[in-house]
């Protein structure tokens, strides 16, 4: 399993000028080639969701399946086609302060505040080993500053540069109805209706789950994408054998 740091996280390089979902897909494609990955699944959680989607529209070679777990949606686009202000709902924007979208400045300020709150929350974790891991994780994420994490929020509120309707790999959705960070209707009212029906292999919507659903359903998520990848490889093998039979006139 490979877990790639998005730009600006950990030791991953960052530039606001080159930050985009399409550039991320190019990076993943280069990584997969360097590792000689002939077939692999992609899992995107929360802000990682749009990044994973960008890798699943034919821009990255050899992707066998995709799982979106509590994945963010294209909020600016949804504001135009939905009657509600989903952008303000998702980001808790204060219109009385002139907050109408997620700007770079606002995202940076929010990120700094949120990190401070997370560290305060983590300090109350009872299990010392879990507390240590959580603290180290967040410190690593922001070791270059807040630009990387802040850029996720900015990207989510801009034009993505692609449409989820372009997804061309088997896809699974996981979301909790009690999710207060990414509204569940992003999955049920957008992704489930936008991702091509022949590509949507499953949607697991759990009433009691919240935004941390990935912690409790990790094994099931991995099993789903791995199994789909194996089946896809088997189908590809059968097609290849069929093509060989057609070409040679010999049943293999």
C-alpha atoms as a PDB file:
ATOM      1  CA  UNK A   1       0.000   0.000   0.000  1.00  0.00           C
ATOM      2  CA  UNK A   2       1.239   3.488  -0.905  1.00  0.00           C
ATOM      3  CA  UNK A   3      -0.100   6.607   0.836  1.00  0.00           C
ATOM      4  CA  UNK A   4       1.025   9.671  -1.118  1.00  0.00           C
ATOM      5  CA  UNK A   5       1.289  13.068   0.561  1.00  0.00           C
ATOM      6  CA  UNK A   6      -0.651  15.685  -1.347  1.00  0.00           C
ATOM      7  CA  UNK A   7       1.328  18.835  -2.292  1.00  0.00           C
ATOM      8  CA  UNK A   8       2.425  20.814   0.777  1.00  0.00           C
ATOM      9  CA  UNK A   9       1.834  17.984   3.241  1.00  0.00           C
ATOM     10  CA  UNK A  10       4.827  16.435   4.983  1.00  0.00           C
ATOM     11  CA  UNK A  11       7.834  16.691   2.691  1.00  0.00           C
ATOM     12  CA  UNK A  12       5.838  16.987  -0.547  1.00  0.00           C
ATOM     13  CA  UNK A  13       6.709  20.073  -2.600  1.00  0.00           C
ATOM     14  CA  UNK A  14       4.129  22.824  -3.053  1.00  0.00           C
ATOM     15  CA  UNK A  15       3.305  25.750  -5.320  1.00  0.00           C
ATOM     16  CA  UNK A  16       0.032  27.634  -5.400  1.00  0.00           C
ATOM     17  CA  UNK A  17       0.578  28.337  -9.114  1.00  0.00           C
ATOM     18  CA  UNK A  18       0.736  24.673 -10.108  1.00  0.00           C
ATOM     19  CA  UNK A  19      -1.761  23.292  -7.585  1.00  0.00           C
ATOM     20  CA  UNK A  20      -4.617  21.513  -9.368  1.00  0.00           C
ATOM     21  CA  UNK A  21      -6.375  18.171  -9.467  1.00  0.00           C
ATOM     22  CA  UNK A  22      -5.144  17.497 -12.994  1.00  0.00           C
ATOM     23  CA  UNK A  23      -1.531  18.087 -11.949  1.00  0.00           C
ATOM     24  CA  UNK A  24      -2.040  15.683  -9.057  1.00  0.00           C
ATOM     25  CA  UNK A  25      -3.236  13.030 -11.504  1.00  0.00           C
ATOM     26  CA  UNK A  26      -0.063  13.545 -13.553  1.00  0.00           C
ATOM     27  CA  UNK A  27       2.022  13.050 -10.416  1.00  0.00           C
ATOM     28  CA  UNK A  28       0.213   9.819  -9.543  1.00  0.00           C
ATOM     29  CA  UNK A  29       0.633   8.565 -13.099  1.00  0.00           C
ATOM     30  CA  UNK A  30       4.390   9.222 -12.944  1.00  0.00           C
ATOM     31  CA  UNK A  31       4.598   7.516  -9.545  1.00  0.00           C
ATOM     32  CA  UNK A  32       2.728   4.431 -10.773  1.00  0.00           C
ATOM     33  CA  UNK A  33       5.039   4.122 -13.771  1.00  0.00           C
ATOM     34  CA  UNK A  34       8.128   4.507 -11.575  1.00  0.00           C
ATOM     35  CA  UNK A  35       6.833   1.680  -9.359  1.00  0.00           C
ATOM     36  CA  UNK A  36       5.815  -0.455 -12.355  1.00  0.00           C
ATOM     37  CA  UNK A  37       2.256  -0.786 -11.066  1.00  0.00           C
ATOM     38  CA  UNK A  38       0.394  -2.764 -13.701  1.00  0.00           C
ATOM     39  CA  UNK A  39      -2.909  -2.624 -11.795  1.00  0.00           C
ATOM     40  CA  UNK A  40      -3.869  -0.741  -8.646  1.00  0.00           C
ATOM     41  CA  UNK A  41      -6.887   0.638  -6.797  1.00  0.00           C
ATOM     42  CA  UNK A  42      -7.233   4.185  -5.477  1.00  0.00           C
ATOM     43  CA  UNK A  43      -8.951   5.263  -2.257  1.00  0.00           C
ATOM     44  CA  UNK A  44      -9.751   8.936  -1.628  1.00  0.00           C
ATOM     45  CA  UNK A  45     -10.972  10.123   1.762  1.00  0.00           C
ATOM     46  CA  UNK A  46     -12.500  13.564   2.480  1.00  0.00           C
ATOM     47  CA  UNK A  47     -10.411  16.152   0.561  1.00  0.00           C
ATOM     48  CA  UNK A  48      -8.621  13.208  -1.012  1.00  0.00           C
ATOM     49  CA  UNK A  49     -11.873  12.318  -2.784  1.00  0.00           C
ATOM     50  CA  UNK A  50     -11.601  14.854  -5.632  1.00  0.00           C
ATOM     51  CA  UNK A  51      -7.919  13.967  -6.028  1.00  0.00           C
ATOM     52  CA  UNK A  52      -8.833  10.298  -6.410  1.00  0.00           C
ATOM     53  CA  UNK A  53     -11.592  11.148  -8.876  1.00  0.00           C
ATOM     54  CA  UNK A  54      -9.114  13.074 -11.014  1.00  0.00           C
ATOM     55  CA  UNK A  55      -7.068   9.878 -11.271  1.00  0.00           C
ATOM     56  CA  UNK A  56     -10.080   7.834 -12.385  1.00  0.00           C
ATOM     57  CA  UNK A  57     -11.132   9.585 -15.598  1.00  0.00           C
ATOM     58  CA  UNK A  58      -8.541   8.008 -17.855  1.00  0.00           C
ATOM     59  CA  UNK A  59      -5.684  10.336 -16.903  1.00  0.00           C
ATOM     60  CA  UNK A  60      -3.863   7.684 -14.856  1.00  0.00           C
ATOM     61  CA  UNK A  61      -3.037   4.325 -16.414  1.00  0.00           C
ATOM     62  CA  UNK A  62      -3.886   0.926 -14.901  1.00  0.00           C
ATOM     63  CA  UNK A  63      -6.381   2.094 -12.242  1.00  0.00           C
ATOM     64  CA  UNK A  64      -8.519  -0.952 -11.466  1.00  0.00           C
ATOM     65  CA  UNK A  65     -11.066   0.579  -9.078  1.00  0.00           C
ATOM     66  CA  UNK A  66     -11.883   3.598  -6.943  1.00  0.00           C
ATOM     67  CA  UNK A  67     -13.353   4.151  -3.485  1.00  0.00           C
ATOM     68  CA  UNK A  68     -14.648   7.564  -2.430  1.00  0.00           C
ATOM     69  CA  UNK A  69     -14.966   7.746   1.351  1.00  0.00           C
ATOM     70  CA  UNK A  70     -16.779  10.828   2.693  1.00  0.00           C
ATOM     71  CA  UNK A  71     -15.446  12.615  -0.374  1.00  0.00           C
ATOM     72  CA  UNK A  72     -15.907  16.342  -0.895  1.00  0.00           C
ATOM     73  CA  UNK A  73     -17.936  17.596  -3.830  1.00  0.00           C
ATOM     74  CA  UNK A  74     -17.595  20.483  -6.323  1.00  0.00           C
ATOM     75  CA  UNK A  75     -19.286  23.020  -4.060  1.00  0.00           C
ATOM     76  CA  UNK A  76     -19.191  26.033  -6.386  1.00  0.00           C
ATOM     77  CA  UNK A  77     -20.786  23.974  -9.158  1.00  0.00           C
ATOM     78  CA  UNK A  78     -23.397  22.541  -6.796  1.00  0.00           C
ATOM     79  CA  UNK A  79     -24.319  26.044  -5.638  1.00  0.00           C
ATOM     80  CA  UNK A  80     -25.341  26.783  -9.222  1.00  0.00           C
ATOM     81  CA  UNK A  81     -27.499  23.683  -9.721  1.00  0.00           C
ATOM     82  CA  UNK A  82     -28.957  23.187  -6.232  1.00  0.00           C
ATOM     83  CA  UNK A  83     -31.485  25.420  -4.493  1.00  0.00           C
ATOM     84  CA  UNK A  84     -29.478  25.429  -1.247  1.00  0.00           C
ATOM     85  CA  UNK A  85     -26.171  27.158  -0.499  1.00  0.00           C
ATOM     86  CA  UNK A  86     -24.166  23.953  -0.076  1.00  0.00           C
ATOM     87  CA  UNK A  87     -20.862  25.838  -0.154  1.00  0.00           C
ATOM     88  CA  UNK A  88     -21.756  27.864   2.929  1.00  0.00           C
ATOM     89  CA  UNK A  89     -23.241  24.783   4.579  1.00  0.00           C
ATOM     90  CA  UNK A  90     -20.107  22.706   4.078  1.00  0.00           C
ATOM     91  CA  UNK A  91     -17.655  25.400   5.123  1.00  0.00           C
ATOM     92  CA  UNK A  92     -19.784  27.226   7.696  1.00  0.00           C
ATOM     93  CA  UNK A  93     -19.236  30.548   5.931  1.00  0.00           C
ATOM     94  CA  UNK A  94     -20.351  33.708   7.711  1.00  0.00           C
ATOM     95  CA  UNK A  95     -22.016  35.886   5.089  1.00  0.00           C
ATOM     96  CA  UNK A  96     -22.321  38.759   7.580  1.00  0.00           C
ATOM     97  CA  UNK A  97     -18.511  38.934   7.398  1.00  0.00           C
ATOM     98  CA  UNK A  98     -18.519  38.829   3.615  1.00  0.00           C
ATOM     99  CA  UNK A  99     -17.585  35.140   3.427  1.00  0.00           C
ATOM    100  CA  UNK A 100     -19.129  33.911   0.178  1.00  0.00           C
ATOM    101  CA  UNK A 101     -16.473  31.447  -0.968  1.00  0.00           C
ATOM    102  CA  UNK A 102     -13.279  29.830   0.265  1.00  0.00           C
ATOM    103  CA  UNK A 103     -10.467  32.248  -0.547  1.00  0.00           C
ATOM    104  CA  UNK A 104      -6.780  31.550  -0.007  1.00  0.00           C
ATOM    105  CA  UNK A 105      -6.663  33.973   2.932  1.00  0.00           C
ATOM    106  CA  UNK A 106      -9.750  32.538   4.587  1.00  0.00           C
ATOM    107  CA  UNK A 107      -8.567  28.961   4.047  1.00  0.00           C
ATOM    108  CA  UNK A 108      -5.188  29.689   5.643  1.00  0.00           C
ATOM    109  CA  UNK A 109      -6.809  31.318   8.682  1.00  0.00           C
ATOM    110  CA  UNK A 110      -9.333  28.487   9.041  1.00  0.00           C
ATOM    111  CA  UNK A 111      -6.600  25.891   8.736  1.00  0.00           C
ATOM    112  CA  UNK A 112      -4.523  27.425  11.505  1.00  0.00           C
ATOM    113  CA  UNK A 113      -7.560  27.601  13.782  1.00  0.00           C
ATOM    114  CA  UNK A 114      -8.623  24.047  12.998  1.00  0.00           C
ATOM    115  CA  UNK A 115      -5.168  22.637  13.654  1.00  0.00           C
ATOM    116  CA  UNK A 116      -5.093  24.311  17.061  1.00  0.00           C
ATOM    117  CA  UNK A 117      -8.508  22.809  17.848  1.00  0.00           C
ATOM    118  CA  UNK A 118      -7.434  19.357  16.666  1.00  0.00           C
ATOM    119  CA  UNK A 119      -4.345  19.439  18.863  1.00  0.00           C
ATOM    120  CA  UNK A 120      -6.496  20.445  21.810  1.00  0.00           C
ATOM    121  CA  UNK A 121      -8.855  17.541  21.097  1.00  0.00           C
ATOM    122  CA  UNK A 122      -6.009  15.074  20.602  1.00  0.00           C
ATOM    123  CA  UNK A 123      -4.560  16.014  23.993  1.00  0.00           C
ATOM    124  CA  UNK A 124      -7.567  14.282  25.578  1.00  0.00           C
ATOM    125  CA  UNK A 125      -7.012  10.941  23.838  1.00  0.00           C
ATOM    126  CA  UNK A 126      -6.722   8.413  26.641  1.00  0.00           C
ATOM    127  CA  UNK A 127      -4.557   5.817  24.935  1.00  0.00           C
ATOM    128  CA  UNK A 128      -1.026   7.192  24.923  1.00  0.00           C
ATOM    129  CA  UNK A 129       0.052   5.344  21.775  1.00  0.00           C
ATOM    130  CA  UNK A 130      -2.922   6.713  19.828  1.00  0.00           C
ATOM    131  CA  UNK A 131      -2.315  10.204  21.184  1.00  0.00           C
ATOM    132  CA  UNK A 132       1.322  10.075  20.100  1.00  0.00           C
ATOM    133  CA  UNK A 133       0.420   8.898  16.602  1.00  0.00           C
ATOM    134  CA  UNK A 134      -2.276  11.574  16.214  1.00  0.00           C
ATOM    135  CA  UNK A 135       0.009  14.382  17.350  1.00  0.00           C
ATOM    136  CA  UNK A 136       2.881  13.202  15.159  1.00  0.00           C
ATOM    137  CA  UNK A 137       0.529  12.881  12.199  1.00  0.00           C
ATOM    138  CA  UNK A 138      -0.730  16.442  12.381  1.00  0.00           C
ATOM    139  CA  UNK A 139       2.760  17.864  13.075  1.00  0.00           C
ATOM    140  CA  UNK A 140       4.079  16.080   9.994  1.00  0.00           C
ATOM    141  CA  UNK A 141       1.186  17.336   7.874  1.00  0.00           C
ATOM    142  CA  UNK A 142       1.939  20.992   8.644  1.00  0.00           C
ATOM    143  CA  UNK A 143       5.722  20.868   8.904  1.00  0.00           C
ATOM    144  CA  UNK A 144       5.892  23.169   5.846  1.00  0.00           C
ATOM    145  CA  UNK A 145       3.103  25.432   7.088  1.00  0.00           C
ATOM    146  CA  UNK A 146      -0.590  25.615   6.276  1.00  0.00           C
ATOM    147  CA  UNK A 147      -0.495  26.217   2.511  1.00  0.00           C
ATOM    148  CA  UNK A 148      -0.870  22.576   1.523  1.00  0.00           C
ATOM    149  CA  UNK A 149      -3.903  21.790   3.684  1.00  0.00           C
ATOM    150  CA  UNK A 150      -5.448  25.195   2.921  1.00  0.00           C
ATOM    151  CA  UNK A 151      -5.138  24.576  -0.818  1.00  0.00           C
ATOM    152  CA  UNK A 152      -7.484  21.581  -0.518  1.00  0.00           C
ATOM    153  CA  UNK A 153     -10.348  23.830   0.577  1.00  0.00           C
ATOM    154  CA  UNK A 154      -9.615  26.374  -2.158  1.00  0.00           C
ATOM    155  CA  UNK A 155      -9.563  23.695  -4.864  1.00  0.00           C
ATOM    156  CA  UNK A 156     -12.829  22.187  -3.698  1.00  0.00           C
ATOM    157  CA  UNK A 157     -14.574  25.526  -4.168  1.00  0.00           C
ATOM    158  CA  UNK A 158     -13.224  26.189  -7.666  1.00  0.00           C
ATOM    159  CA  UNK A 159     -13.804  24.607 -11.051  1.00  0.00           C
ATOM    160  CA  UNK A 160     -12.304  21.135 -10.777  1.00  0.00           C
ATOM    161  CA  UNK A 161     -11.198  20.924 -14.401  1.00  0.00           C
ATOM    162  CA  UNK A 162     -13.107  17.681 -14.930  1.00  0.00           C
ATOM    163  CA  UNK A 163     -16.532  16.153 -14.266  1.00  0.00           C
ATOM    164  CA  UNK A 164     -17.326  13.073 -12.117  1.00  0.00           C
ATOM    165  CA  UNK A 165     -19.380  11.904 -15.107  1.00  0.00           C
ATOM    166  CA  UNK A 166     -16.027  11.179 -16.794  1.00  0.00           C
ATOM    167  CA  UNK A 167     -15.179   8.412 -14.293  1.00  0.00           C
ATOM    168  CA  UNK A 168     -14.284   5.292 -16.241  1.00  0.00           C
ATOM    169  CA  UNK A 169     -13.254   2.809 -13.520  1.00  0.00           C
ATOM    170  CA  UNK A 170     -15.418   0.716 -11.143  1.00  0.00           C
ATOM    171  CA  UNK A 171     -16.327   2.982  -8.224  1.00  0.00           C
ATOM    172  CA  UNK A 172     -17.537   2.494  -4.650  1.00  0.00           C
ATOM    173  CA  UNK A 173     -19.025   5.191  -2.408  1.00  0.00           C
ATOM    174  CA  UNK A 174     -18.899   5.212   1.401  1.00  0.00           C
ATOM    175  CA  UNK A 175     -20.551   7.930   3.466  1.00  0.00           C
ATOM    176  CA  UNK A 176     -22.157   8.442   6.851  1.00  0.00           C
ATOM    177  CA  UNK A 177     -25.520  10.169   7.209  1.00  0.00           C
ATOM    178  CA  UNK A 178     -24.282  11.806  10.426  1.00  0.00           C
ATOM    179  CA  UNK A 179     -21.299  13.403   8.641  1.00  0.00           C
ATOM    180  CA  UNK A 180     -21.117  17.069   9.722  1.00  0.00           C
ATOM    181  CA  UNK A 181     -17.986  17.851   7.683  1.00  0.00           C
ATOM    182  CA  UNK A 182     -19.085  16.649   4.244  1.00  0.00           C
ATOM    183  CA  UNK A 183     -22.898  16.529   3.944  1.00  0.00           C
ATOM    184  CA  UNK A 184     -24.142  13.074   3.016  1.00  0.00           C
ATOM    185  CA  UNK A 185     -26.161  14.482   0.120  1.00  0.00           C
ATOM    186  CA  UNK A 186     -22.863  15.016  -1.700  1.00  0.00           C
ATOM    187  CA  UNK A 187     -22.849  11.237  -2.085  1.00  0.00           C
ATOM    188  CA  UNK A 188     -26.569  10.488  -2.357  1.00  0.00           C
ATOM    189  CA  UNK A 189     -27.740  13.444  -4.439  1.00  0.00           C
ATOM    190  CA  UNK A 190     -24.653  14.123  -6.544  1.00  0.00           C
ATOM    191  CA  UNK A 191     -22.091  11.353  -6.917  1.00  0.00           C
ATOM    192  CA  UNK A 192     -24.679   8.580  -7.048  1.00  0.00           C
ATOM    193  CA  UNK A 193     -26.469  10.462  -9.840  1.00  0.00           C
ATOM    194  CA  UNK A 194     -23.399  11.748 -11.692  1.00  0.00           C
ATOM    195  CA  UNK A 195     -20.934   8.866 -11.775  1.00  0.00           C
ATOM    196  CA  UNK A 196     -21.932   6.644 -14.744  1.00  0.00           C
ATOM    197  CA  UNK A 197     -24.302   3.893 -13.634  1.00  0.00           C
ATOM    198  CA  UNK A 198     -22.198   1.168 -15.226  1.00  0.00           C
ATOM    199  CA  UNK A 199     -19.176   2.383 -13.218  1.00  0.00           C
ATOM    200  CA  UNK A 200     -20.923   2.722  -9.844  1.00  0.00           C
ATOM    201  CA  UNK A 201     -20.466  -0.697  -8.263  1.00  0.00           C
ATOM    202  CA  UNK A 202     -21.740   0.077  -4.791  1.00  0.00           C
ATOM    203  CA  UNK A 203     -22.847   2.852  -2.429  1.00  0.00           C
ATOM    204  CA  UNK A 204     -22.641   2.179   1.297  1.00  0.00           C
ATOM    205  CA  UNK A 205     -24.547   4.873   3.199  1.00  0.00           C
ATOM    206  CA  UNK A 206     -24.629   4.260   6.942  1.00  0.00           C
ATOM    207  CA  UNK A 207     -27.100   6.158   9.133  1.00  0.00           C
ATOM    208  CA  UNK A 208     -25.011   6.120  12.305  1.00  0.00           C
ATOM    209  CA  UNK A 209     -21.633   6.907  10.733  1.00  0.00           C
ATOM    210  CA  UNK A 210     -19.928  10.319  10.669  1.00  0.00           C
ATOM    211  CA  UNK A 211     -16.886  11.793   8.919  1.00  0.00           C
ATOM    212  CA  UNK A 212     -14.509   9.345  10.572  1.00  0.00           C
ATOM    213  CA  UNK A 213     -16.218   6.395   8.898  1.00  0.00           C
ATOM    214  CA  UNK A 214     -12.921   5.355   7.327  1.00  0.00           C
ATOM    215  CA  UNK A 215     -11.484   4.399  10.728  1.00  0.00           C
ATOM    216  CA  UNK A 216     -14.150   1.760  11.315  1.00  0.00           C
ATOM    217  CA  UNK A 217     -14.788   0.560   7.739  1.00  0.00           C
ATOM    218  CA  UNK A 218     -11.208   0.502   6.466  1.00  0.00           C
ATOM    219  CA  UNK A 219     -11.041  -3.259   6.029  1.00  0.00           C
ATOM    220  CA  UNK A 220     -14.342  -3.452   4.144  1.00  0.00           C
ATOM    221  CA  UNK A 221     -13.277  -0.589   1.875  1.00  0.00           C
ATOM    222  CA  UNK A 222      -9.986  -2.261   1.000  1.00  0.00           C
ATOM    223  CA  UNK A 223     -11.641  -5.629   0.458  1.00  0.00           C
ATOM    224  CA  UNK A 224     -14.109  -4.085  -1.991  1.00  0.00           C
ATOM    225  CA  UNK A 225     -11.538  -2.352  -4.194  1.00  0.00           C
ATOM    226  CA  UNK A 226      -9.087  -5.268  -4.098  1.00  0.00           C
ATOM    227  CA  UNK A 227     -11.781  -7.761  -5.076  1.00  0.00           C
ATOM    228  CA  UNK A 228     -12.971  -5.513  -7.897  1.00  0.00           C
ATOM    229  CA  UNK A 229      -9.399  -5.167  -9.100  1.00  0.00           C
ATOM    230  CA  UNK A 230      -8.941  -8.931  -9.161  1.00  0.00           C
ATOM    231  CA  UNK A 231     -12.167  -9.407 -11.088  1.00  0.00           C
ATOM    232  CA  UNK A 232     -11.184  -6.677 -13.546  1.00  0.00           C
ATOM    233  CA  UNK A 233      -7.830  -8.380 -14.124  1.00  0.00           C
ATOM    234  CA  UNK A 234      -9.588 -11.693 -14.681  1.00  0.00           C
ATOM    235  CA  UNK A 235     -11.963 -10.086 -17.197  1.00  0.00           C
ATOM    236  CA  UNK A 236      -9.053  -8.469 -18.992  1.00  0.00           C
ATOM    237  CA  UNK A 237      -7.289 -11.827 -19.147  1.00  0.00           C
ATOM    238  CA  UNK A 238     -10.343 -13.482 -20.666  1.00  0.00           C
ATOM    239  CA  UNK A 239     -10.674 -10.717 -23.263  1.00  0.00           C
ATOM    240  CA  UNK A 240      -7.012 -11.084 -24.168  1.00  0.00           C
ATOM    241  CA  UNK A 241      -7.334 -14.832 -24.549  1.00  0.00           C
ATOM    242  CA  UNK A 242     -10.421 -14.289 -26.666  1.00  0.00           C
ATOM    243  CA  UNK A 243      -8.561 -11.833 -28.883  1.00  0.00           C
ATOM    244  CA  UNK A 244      -5.716 -14.313 -29.276  1.00  0.00           C
ATOM    245  CA  UNK A 245      -8.179 -17.016 -30.291  1.00  0.00           C
ATOM    246  CA  UNK A 246      -9.746 -14.735 -32.889  1.00  0.00           C
ATOM    247  CA  UNK A 247      -6.347 -13.829 -34.289  1.00  0.00           C
ATOM    248  CA  UNK A 248      -4.986 -17.368 -34.556  1.00  0.00           C
ATOM    249  CA  UNK A 249      -8.137 -19.351 -35.042  1.00  0.00           C
ATOM    250  CA  UNK A 250      -7.050 -21.572 -32.154  1.00  0.00           C
ATOM    251  CA  UNK A 251      -8.939 -21.958 -28.908  1.00  0.00           C
ATOM    252  CA  UNK A 252      -6.529 -21.338 -26.003  1.00  0.00           C
END
